[in-house]
């Protein structure tokens, strides 16, 4: 019983520290240019935990990953946001067109948005992987994310659901103050667990 409690407390400390480091790196990148690299760095730490590396120096490991992957993860994140934004605007503006042009525009825009939603949870963990000792190219990241997002729908849902449901559950339960403490770390650890189960 004591061993289990001790293990649970260690995990609580790890999760809070992971979330704190994520917040610090996101702020260090100026939010917009920090959120992608910080999330990729936190996910890398969570994946290493799932591989059994329990005594990682979390702050130092995240900083190295943040620094090394800053350019690629920002390119991927900003391009994904730009594509989602432009597709959403295209879909919205097409509503004011005559019926036939509206249908011809809304259908492809909606399909492209759904494909982007399927790709989004995979972009950062793919961007964080080295292929033959080198980081992948942006086009390769999007191609791999599309293939996995469409080809493994259960994994895609498993990555999306905690990311959406956990913060909403904290807000709905009246504990929104826990968002800065564990709002990101728990979905990322859940994602790392799912990835470990899918790609052992």
Protein backbone atom coordinates (compact mmCIF):
# COMPACT_ATOMS: atom_id res chain seq x y z
CA UNK A 1 0.00 0.00 0.00
CA UNK A 2 2.81 2.41 0.95
CA UNK A 3 4.71 1.54 -2.24
CA UNK A 4 1.65 2.29 -4.37
CA UNK A 5 1.03 5.59 -2.61
CA UNK A 6 4.68 6.53 -3.02
CA UNK A 7 4.52 5.66 -6.73
CA UNK A 8 1.32 7.70 -7.16
CA UNK A 9 2.91 10.72 -5.44
CA UNK A 10 5.97 10.44 -7.70
CA UNK A 11 3.68 10.51 -10.74
CA UNK A 12 1.82 13.55 -9.40
CA UNK A 13 5.12 15.41 -8.96
CA UNK A 14 6.27 14.37 -12.44
CA UNK A 15 3.02 15.54 -14.05
CA UNK A 16 3.05 18.91 -12.27
CA UNK A 17 6.72 19.49 -13.13
CA UNK A 18 6.13 18.50 -16.78
CA UNK A 19 3.25 20.97 -17.00
CA UNK A 20 5.34 23.71 -15.33
CA UNK A 21 8.20 23.21 -17.80
CA UNK A 22 5.71 23.22 -20.69
CA UNK A 23 4.28 26.55 -19.50
CA UNK A 24 7.77 28.06 -19.09
CA UNK A 25 8.93 26.99 -22.56
CA UNK A 26 5.67 28.13 -24.17
CA UNK A 27 6.13 31.54 -22.56
CA UNK A 28 9.82 31.59 -23.54
CA UNK A 29 8.79 31.15 -27.17
CA UNK A 30 6.32 34.00 -26.98
CA UNK A 31 3.27 31.68 -26.85
CA UNK A 32 2.73 31.40 -30.62
CA UNK A 33 6.31 30.35 -31.37
CA UNK A 34 6.62 28.36 -28.16
CA UNK A 35 3.55 26.15 -27.98
CA UNK A 36 4.57 23.73 -30.75
CA UNK A 37 8.18 23.15 -29.61
CA UNK A 38 7.14 23.02 -25.94
CA UNK A 39 4.43 20.44 -26.66
CA UNK A 40 6.82 18.35 -28.74
CA UNK A 41 9.41 18.51 -25.94
CA UNK A 42 6.88 17.51 -23.27
CA UNK A 43 5.62 14.66 -25.42
CA UNK A 44 9.19 13.41 -25.91
CA UNK A 45 9.68 13.31 -22.12
CA UNK A 46 6.35 11.49 -21.67
CA UNK A 47 7.32 8.95 -24.33
CA UNK A 48 10.65 8.34 -22.63
CA UNK A 49 8.80 7.77 -19.35
CA UNK A 50 6.68 5.17 -21.13
CA UNK A 51 9.89 3.47 -22.29
CA UNK A 52 10.96 3.13 -18.65
CA UNK A 53 13.27 6.17 -18.27
CA UNK A 54 11.85 7.34 -14.94
CA UNK A 55 14.79 9.48 -13.68
CA UNK A 56 14.99 11.96 -16.55
CA UNK A 57 16.07 15.53 -15.83
CA UNK A 58 12.77 16.88 -17.17
CA UNK A 59 13.70 20.55 -17.46
CA UNK A 60 17.04 19.91 -19.18
CA UNK A 61 15.63 17.24 -21.51
CA UNK A 62 12.75 19.48 -22.54
CA UNK A 63 15.07 22.43 -23.12
CA UNK A 64 17.33 20.38 -25.44
CA UNK A 65 14.34 19.05 -27.35
CA UNK A 66 12.77 22.52 -27.50
CA UNK A 67 15.98 24.06 -28.85
CA UNK A 68 16.78 21.28 -31.34
CA UNK A 69 13.25 20.97 -32.72
CA UNK A 70 12.27 24.64 -32.57
CA UNK A 71 12.44 25.33 -36.30
CA UNK A 72 10.72 22.17 -37.56
CA UNK A 73 7.96 22.09 -34.96
CA UNK A 74 7.19 25.77 -35.53
CA UNK A 75 7.05 25.26 -39.29
CA UNK A 76 4.68 22.32 -38.82
CA UNK A 77 2.51 24.08 -36.20
CA UNK A 78 2.21 27.39 -38.05
CA UNK A 79 1.50 25.71 -41.39
CA UNK A 80 -1.18 23.50 -39.80
CA UNK A 81 -2.81 26.54 -38.15
CA UNK A 82 -2.67 28.52 -41.41
CA UNK A 83 -4.25 25.65 -43.35
CA UNK A 84 -7.01 25.15 -40.77
CA UNK A 85 -7.69 28.90 -40.66
CA UNK A 86 -7.82 29.31 -44.44
CA UNK A 87 -10.04 26.24 -44.89
CA UNK A 88 -12.41 27.48 -42.16
CA UNK A 89 -12.62 30.93 -43.74
CA UNK A 90 -13.19 29.40 -47.18
CA UNK A 91 -16.00 27.23 -45.83
CA UNK A 92 -17.58 30.17 -43.99
CA UNK A 93 -17.42 32.59 -46.92
CA UNK A 94 -18.77 30.00 -49.35
CA UNK A 95 -22.08 30.05 -47.47
CA UNK A 96 -22.91 33.36 -49.13
CA UNK A 97 -22.37 31.97 -52.66
CA UNK A 98 -25.18 30.70 -54.92
CA UNK A 99 -26.18 27.07 -54.17
CA UNK A 100 -24.09 25.25 -56.80
CA UNK A 101 -20.79 27.14 -56.25
CA UNK A 102 -21.39 26.94 -52.49
CA UNK A 103 -21.79 23.15 -52.65
CA UNK A 104 -18.71 22.80 -54.87
CA UNK A 105 -16.65 24.86 -52.40
CA UNK A 106 -18.04 23.67 -49.06
CA UNK A 107 -17.64 19.95 -49.78
CA UNK A 108 -13.89 19.99 -50.53
CA UNK A 109 -13.24 22.56 -47.77
CA UNK A 110 -15.07 20.43 -45.19
CA UNK A 111 -13.28 17.27 -46.33
CA UNK A 112 -9.92 19.01 -46.12
CA UNK A 113 -10.78 20.27 -42.62
CA UNK A 114 -11.68 16.74 -41.49
CA UNK A 115 -8.38 15.47 -42.86
CA UNK A 116 -6.56 18.24 -40.98
CA UNK A 117 -8.33 17.23 -37.77
CA UNK A 118 -7.17 13.64 -38.34
CA UNK A 119 -3.59 14.83 -38.95
CA UNK A 120 -3.26 17.34 -36.10
CA UNK A 121 -2.70 14.93 -33.18
CA UNK A 122 0.12 13.20 -35.08
CA UNK A 123 2.10 16.16 -36.38
CA UNK A 124 4.24 16.94 -33.34
CA UNK A 125 5.18 13.42 -32.32
CA UNK A 126 6.18 12.64 -35.91
CA UNK A 127 8.14 15.91 -36.13
CA UNK A 128 10.01 14.91 -32.97
CA UNK A 129 11.26 11.62 -34.44
CA UNK A 130 14.64 11.31 -36.12
CA UNK A 131 14.68 9.42 -39.40
CA UNK A 132 18.13 7.99 -40.25
CA UNK A 133 19.67 10.34 -37.68
CA UNK A 134 18.09 13.49 -39.13
CA UNK A 135 14.79 15.28 -38.45
CA UNK A 136 12.11 14.74 -41.11
CA UNK A 137 11.14 17.39 -43.65
CA UNK A 138 7.91 19.34 -43.22
CA UNK A 139 6.27 17.64 -46.23
CA UNK A 140 7.24 14.22 -44.87
CA UNK A 141 5.73 15.07 -41.48
CA UNK A 142 2.39 16.04 -43.06
CA UNK A 143 2.38 12.98 -45.34
CA UNK A 144 3.10 10.60 -42.43
CA UNK A 145 0.53 12.33 -40.20
CA UNK A 146 -2.12 12.02 -42.93
CA UNK A 147 -1.33 8.34 -43.48
CA UNK A 148 -1.44 7.50 -39.76
CA UNK A 149 -4.39 9.78 -39.02
CA UNK A 150 -6.55 8.15 -41.69
CA UNK A 151 -5.06 4.66 -41.46
CA UNK A 152 -5.32 4.36 -37.66
CA UNK A 153 -8.60 6.07 -36.67
CA UNK A 154 -8.66 4.50 -33.19
CA UNK A 155 -5.23 5.90 -32.39
CA UNK A 156 -6.30 9.30 -33.74
CA UNK A 157 -9.38 9.29 -31.49
CA UNK A 158 -7.28 8.09 -28.54
CA UNK A 159 -4.99 11.10 -28.98
CA UNK A 160 -7.78 13.63 -29.58
CA UNK A 161 -10.20 12.62 -26.82
CA UNK A 162 -7.95 13.26 -23.75
CA UNK A 163 -6.76 16.55 -25.25
CA UNK A 164 -10.35 17.79 -25.54
CA UNK A 165 -12.13 15.97 -22.70
CA UNK A 166 -9.60 16.50 -19.86
CA UNK A 167 -9.62 20.34 -19.86
CA UNK A 168 -13.40 20.38 -20.34
CA UNK A 169 -13.80 17.94 -17.43
CA UNK A 170 -11.69 20.16 -15.17
CA UNK A 171 -13.77 23.21 -16.11
CA UNK A 172 -17.11 21.38 -15.79
CA UNK A 173 -16.17 19.93 -12.40
CA UNK A 174 -15.42 23.40 -11.03
CA UNK A 175 -11.63 22.95 -10.93
CA UNK A 176 -10.39 25.22 -13.73
CA UNK A 177 -7.52 26.28 -11.46
CA UNK A 178 -5.92 22.88 -12.11
CA UNK A 179 -5.44 23.69 -15.80
CA UNK A 180 -2.06 25.42 -15.24
CA UNK A 181 -1.04 22.53 -12.96
CA UNK A 182 -1.93 19.48 -15.07
CA UNK A 183 -4.07 20.67 -17.99
CA UNK A 184 -1.49 19.65 -20.60
CA UNK A 185 0.66 17.02 -18.90
CA UNK A 186 -2.10 14.43 -18.40
CA UNK A 187 -3.31 14.45 -22.06
CA UNK A 188 0.33 14.25 -23.22
CA UNK A 189 1.12 11.31 -20.94
CA UNK A 190 -2.08 9.61 -22.14
CA UNK A 191 -0.96 10.24 -25.74
CA UNK A 192 2.50 8.82 -25.00
CA UNK A 193 0.89 5.71 -23.49
CA UNK A 194 -1.30 5.24 -26.58
CA UNK A 195 1.68 5.69 -28.90
CA UNK A 196 3.72 3.21 -26.88
CA UNK A 197 0.92 0.64 -27.09
CA UNK A 198 0.51 1.19 -30.84
CA UNK A 199 4.20 1.40 -31.78
CA UNK A 200 6.06 -0.69 -29.17
